[in-house]
Amino acid sequence: MKNIYEEAGGTYTRQGDYELPNLKVPPEKEIEIGVWGQRYRQYLKQHHWIRYYNLLTSGTLNEHLAAVDQQAERLFQSLVSALSKQENVTEKLKANRPMEWVQKTNNIRNRASEIVNSELIYI
């Protein structure tokens, strides 16, 4: 009598006294994953490893990471834009006082990065 695995076309390999199933991970599409997706992957590996392995073995990890990466990048860009307008960091400031512009821009980008990390990546 065949079990469910054998009925679905599964096979076994004998190793010593045990028969182990021949499992294959479904192939994933090659998708470019940016810095936000890589941070999220590392976070999943360390803190939510069951979810990570479920996504990996179902073949949807790269798609999920790419979606999180795109969402995080959109949030980051909108935050940088909004904060720049709010704090009057303009091209005029860049031309007249470049060092002040660099300081303010770096400050805005760091704050936006912290917001994205706390709201999307490390949840």
C-alpha atoms as a PDB file:
ATOM      1  CA  MET A   1       0.000   0.000   0.000  1.00  0.00           C
ATOM      2  CA  LYS A   2       1.337   3.417  -1.000  1.00  0.00           C
ATOM      3  CA  ASN A   3       1.362   6.400   1.318  1.00  0.00           C
ATOM      4  CA  ILE A   4       0.303   9.909   0.298  1.00  0.00           C
ATOM      5  CA  TYR A   5       3.873  10.911  -0.524  1.00  0.00           C
ATOM      6  CA  GLU A   6       4.341   7.960  -2.902  1.00  0.00           C
ATOM      7  CA  GLU A   7       0.957   8.564  -4.535  1.00  0.00           C
ATOM      8  CA  ALA A   8       2.051  12.136  -5.278  1.00  0.00           C
ATOM      9  CA  GLY A   9       5.139  10.792  -7.080  1.00  0.00           C
ATOM     10  CA  GLY A  10       7.573  10.945  -4.170  1.00  0.00           C
ATOM     11  CA  THR A  11      10.486   8.543  -3.950  1.00  0.00           C
ATOM     12  CA  TYR A  12      12.810   7.391  -1.201  1.00  0.00           C
ATOM     13  CA  THR A  13      16.516   6.680  -0.891  1.00  0.00           C
ATOM     14  CA  ARG A  14      17.743   4.000   1.498  1.00  0.00           C
ATOM     15  CA  GLN A  15      20.513   5.105   3.843  1.00  0.00           C
ATOM     16  CA  GLY A  16      21.417   2.392   6.305  1.00  0.00           C
ATOM     17  CA  ASP A  17      18.269   1.187   8.023  1.00  0.00           C
ATOM     18  CA  TYR A  18      16.266   4.258   7.019  1.00  0.00           C
ATOM     19  CA  GLU A  19      14.416   5.328   3.904  1.00  0.00           C
ATOM     20  CA  LEU A  20      14.660   9.076   3.473  1.00  0.00           C
ATOM     21  CA  PRO A  21      12.401  11.027   1.105  1.00  0.00           C
ATOM     22  CA  ASN A  22      13.991  12.649  -1.939  1.00  0.00           C
ATOM     23  CA  LEU A  23      12.897  16.233  -1.400  1.00  0.00           C
ATOM     24  CA  LYS A  24      13.514  19.047  -3.848  1.00  0.00           C
ATOM     25  CA  VAL A  25      13.083  22.754  -3.208  1.00  0.00           C
ATOM     26  CA  PRO A  26      11.109  24.370  -6.026  1.00  0.00           C
ATOM     27  CA  PRO A  27      13.199  26.716  -8.162  1.00  0.00           C
ATOM     28  CA  GLU A  28      12.828  30.423  -7.493  1.00  0.00           C
ATOM     29  CA  LYS A  29      12.899  33.271  -9.948  1.00  0.00           C
ATOM     30  CA  GLU A  30      16.096  35.295  -9.875  1.00  0.00           C
ATOM     31  CA  ILE A  31      15.037  38.671  -8.503  1.00  0.00           C
ATOM     32  CA  GLU A  32      17.343  41.497  -7.542  1.00  0.00           C
ATOM     33  CA  ILE A  33      16.951  42.246  -3.854  1.00  0.00           C
ATOM     34  CA  GLY A  34      18.157  45.567  -2.492  1.00  0.00           C
ATOM     35  CA  VAL A  35      19.530  46.566   0.889  1.00  0.00           C
ATOM     36  CA  TRP A  36      16.118  46.604   2.599  1.00  0.00           C
ATOM     37  CA  GLY A  37      15.288  43.086   1.407  1.00  0.00           C
ATOM     38  CA  GLN A  38      18.704  41.828   2.522  1.00  0.00           C
ATOM     39  CA  ARG A  39      18.224  43.342   5.971  1.00  0.00           C
ATOM     40  CA  TYR A  40      14.801  41.747   6.181  1.00  0.00           C
ATOM     41  CA  ARG A  41      16.203  38.353   5.109  1.00  0.00           C
ATOM     42  CA  GLN A  42      18.833  38.534   7.859  1.00  0.00           C
ATOM     43  CA  TYR A  43      16.192  39.513  10.407  1.00  0.00           C
ATOM     44  CA  LEU A  44      13.958  36.599   9.373  1.00  0.00           C
ATOM     45  CA  LYS A  45      16.879  34.164   9.572  1.00  0.00           C
ATOM     46  CA  GLN A  46      17.794  35.268  13.092  1.00  0.00           C
ATOM     47  CA  HIS A  47      14.422  35.960  14.705  1.00  0.00           C
ATOM     48  CA  HIS A  48      11.680  34.303  12.631  1.00  0.00           C
ATOM     49  CA  TRP A  49      13.483  31.281  11.238  1.00  0.00           C
ATOM     50  CA  ILE A  50      10.315  29.143  10.865  1.00  0.00           C
ATOM     51  CA  ARG A  51       8.739  31.792   8.648  1.00  0.00           C
ATOM     52  CA  TYR A  52      12.025  32.104   6.745  1.00  0.00           C
ATOM     53  CA  TYR A  53      12.231  28.366   6.043  1.00  0.00           C
ATOM     54  CA  ASN A  54       8.538  28.180   5.121  1.00  0.00           C
ATOM     55  CA  LEU A  55       9.077  30.906   2.516  1.00  0.00           C
ATOM     56  CA  LEU A  56      12.303  29.259   1.346  1.00  0.00           C
ATOM     57  CA  THR A  57      10.853  25.784   0.927  1.00  0.00           C
ATOM     58  CA  SER A  58       7.705  27.044  -0.775  1.00  0.00           C
ATOM     59  CA  GLY A  59       9.830  28.879  -3.348  1.00  0.00           C
ATOM     60  CA  THR A  60       8.444  32.328  -2.524  1.00  0.00           C
ATOM     61  CA  LEU A  61      11.267  33.809  -0.431  1.00  0.00           C
ATOM     62  CA  ASN A  62      12.808  35.951  -3.170  1.00  0.00           C
ATOM     63  CA  GLU A  63       9.423  37.320  -4.256  1.00  0.00           C
ATOM     64  CA  HIS A  64       8.562  38.182  -0.659  1.00  0.00           C
ATOM     65  CA  LEU A  65      11.921  39.864  -0.058  1.00  0.00           C
ATOM     66  CA  ALA A  66      11.634  41.837  -3.301  1.00  0.00           C
ATOM     67  CA  ALA A  67       8.142  43.045  -2.335  1.00  0.00           C
ATOM     68  CA  VAL A  68       9.355  44.165   1.111  1.00  0.00           C
ATOM     69  CA  ASP A  69      12.373  45.833  -0.508  1.00  0.00           C
ATOM     70  CA  GLN A  70      10.209  47.808  -2.939  1.00  0.00           C
ATOM     71  CA  GLN A  71       7.777  48.847  -0.228  1.00  0.00           C
ATOM     72  CA  ALA A  72      10.610  49.945   2.067  1.00  0.00           C
ATOM     73  CA  GLU A  73      12.340  51.895  -0.713  1.00  0.00           C
ATOM     74  CA  ARG A  74       9.115  53.742  -1.572  1.00  0.00           C
ATOM     75  CA  LEU A  75       8.572  54.613   2.094  1.00  0.00           C
ATOM     76  CA  PHE A  76      12.193  55.753   2.459  1.00  0.00           C
ATOM     77  CA  GLN A  77      12.044  58.008  -0.608  1.00  0.00           C
ATOM     78  CA  SER A  78       8.729  59.561   0.428  1.00  0.00           C
ATOM     79  CA  LEU A  79      10.025  60.212   3.956  1.00  0.00           C
ATOM     80  CA  VAL A  80      13.213  61.830   2.657  1.00  0.00           C
ATOM     81  CA  SER A  81      11.203  64.005   0.297  1.00  0.00           C
ATOM     82  CA  ALA A  82       8.677  65.050   2.939  1.00  0.00           C
ATOM     83  CA  LEU A  83      11.302  65.785   5.578  1.00  0.00           C
ATOM     84  CA  SER A  84      13.416  67.755   3.091  1.00  0.00           C
ATOM     85  CA  LYS A  85      10.444  69.968   2.225  1.00  0.00           C
ATOM     86  CA  GLN A  86       9.495  70.328   5.881  1.00  0.00           C
ATOM     87  CA  GLU A  87      13.008  71.390   6.892  1.00  0.00           C
ATOM     88  CA  ASN A  88      13.597  73.545   3.799  1.00  0.00           C
ATOM     89  CA  VAL A  89      16.550  71.525   2.475  1.00  0.00           C
ATOM     90  CA  THR A  90      16.632  72.745  -1.123  1.00  0.00           C
ATOM     91  CA  GLU A  91      18.964  73.070  -4.087  1.00  0.00           C
ATOM     92  CA  LYS A  92      19.418  76.716  -3.134  1.00  0.00           C
ATOM     93  CA  LEU A  93      20.796  75.646   0.251  1.00  0.00           C
ATOM     94  CA  LYS A  94      23.017  73.122  -1.538  1.00  0.00           C
ATOM     95  CA  ALA A  95      24.459  75.861  -3.753  1.00  0.00           C
ATOM     96  CA  ASN A  96      24.910  78.476  -1.015  1.00  0.00           C
ATOM     97  CA  ARG A  97      25.964  76.370   1.996  1.00  0.00           C
ATOM     98  CA  PRO A  98      26.961  72.880   0.811  1.00  0.00           C
ATOM     99  CA  MET A  99      28.284  71.608   4.161  1.00  0.00           C
ATOM    100  CA  GLU A 100      25.063  72.523   5.950  1.00  0.00           C
ATOM    101  CA  TRP A 101      23.100  70.850   3.143  1.00  0.00           C
ATOM    102  CA  VAL A 102      25.151  67.645   3.552  1.00  0.00           C
ATOM    103  CA  GLN A 103      24.625  67.650   7.317  1.00  0.00           C
ATOM    104  CA  LYS A 104      20.879  68.152   7.034  1.00  0.00           C
ATOM    105  CA  THR A 105      20.516  65.632   4.229  1.00  0.00           C
ATOM    106  CA  ASN A 106      22.451  62.973   6.142  1.00  0.00           C
ATOM    107  CA  ASN A 107      20.350  63.660   9.226  1.00  0.00           C
ATOM    108  CA  ILE A 108      17.128  63.298   7.227  1.00  0.00           C
ATOM    109  CA  ARG A 109      18.283  60.081   5.550  1.00  0.00           C
ATOM    110  CA  ASN A 110      19.322  58.569   8.889  1.00  0.00           C
ATOM    111  CA  ARG A 111      15.962  59.387  10.467  1.00  0.00           C
ATOM    112  CA  ALA A 112      14.083  58.015   7.458  1.00  0.00           C
ATOM    113  CA  SER A 113      16.195  54.848   7.605  1.00  0.00           C
ATOM    114  CA  GLU A 114      15.357  54.360  11.288  1.00  0.00           C
ATOM    115  CA  ILE A 115      11.642  54.790  10.572  1.00  0.00           C
ATOM    116  CA  VAL A 116      11.720  52.244   7.733  1.00  0.00           C
ATOM    117  CA  ASN A 117      13.667  49.786   9.894  1.00  0.00           C
ATOM    118  CA  SER A 118      11.246  50.085  12.800  1.00  0.00           C
ATOM    119  CA  GLU A 119       8.042  49.995  10.717  1.00  0.00           C
ATOM    120  CA  LEU A 120       8.858  47.473   7.975  1.00  0.00           C
ATOM    121  CA  ILE A 121      12.087  45.591   8.456  1.00  0.00           C
ATOM    122  CA  TYR A 122      12.444  44.736  12.139  1.00  0.00           C
ATOM    123  CA  ILE A 123       8.842  43.898  12.994  1.00  0.00           C
END
